[in-house]
Amino acid sequence: AKLRDRADLLVAQLFDFSSTEDLEFQTGLKNLAEDLAMVQDYRQAQVDRLETKVVAPLKAYGDIVKNKKMDLKKLSSDLNREQKELQKLERMRQKSPGDRQGIS
């Protein structure tokens, strides 16, 4: 964006400077300014296309990865909780093997 702004400023300065020169030099400077503006427009269009084709899908991929990471974290915590419950149940079973009602 800074480069685009500076190029626009340069084009404006070329137009201003051309108004103080003789007719032939003025025409050349105006043509140069117009050509520079067209180059900047073309480059900006390329940047916009790149953002559309590359940046947007990468942002979507980032959201997908974020959601999958949260799902994995939830699954991991559920698995840990189940393992702790099974260990607790196994300890109770070892302490009192005959007490099936307390274990279930």
Foldseek 3Di string as FASTA:
>chain_A
DVVLVVLLVVLVVLQVVLVVDDDVVSVVSNVVSVVSNVVSVVVVVVVVVCCVPPVVVVVVVVVVVVVVVVVVVVVVVVVVVVVVLVVVLVVVCVVPVVCPVVSD
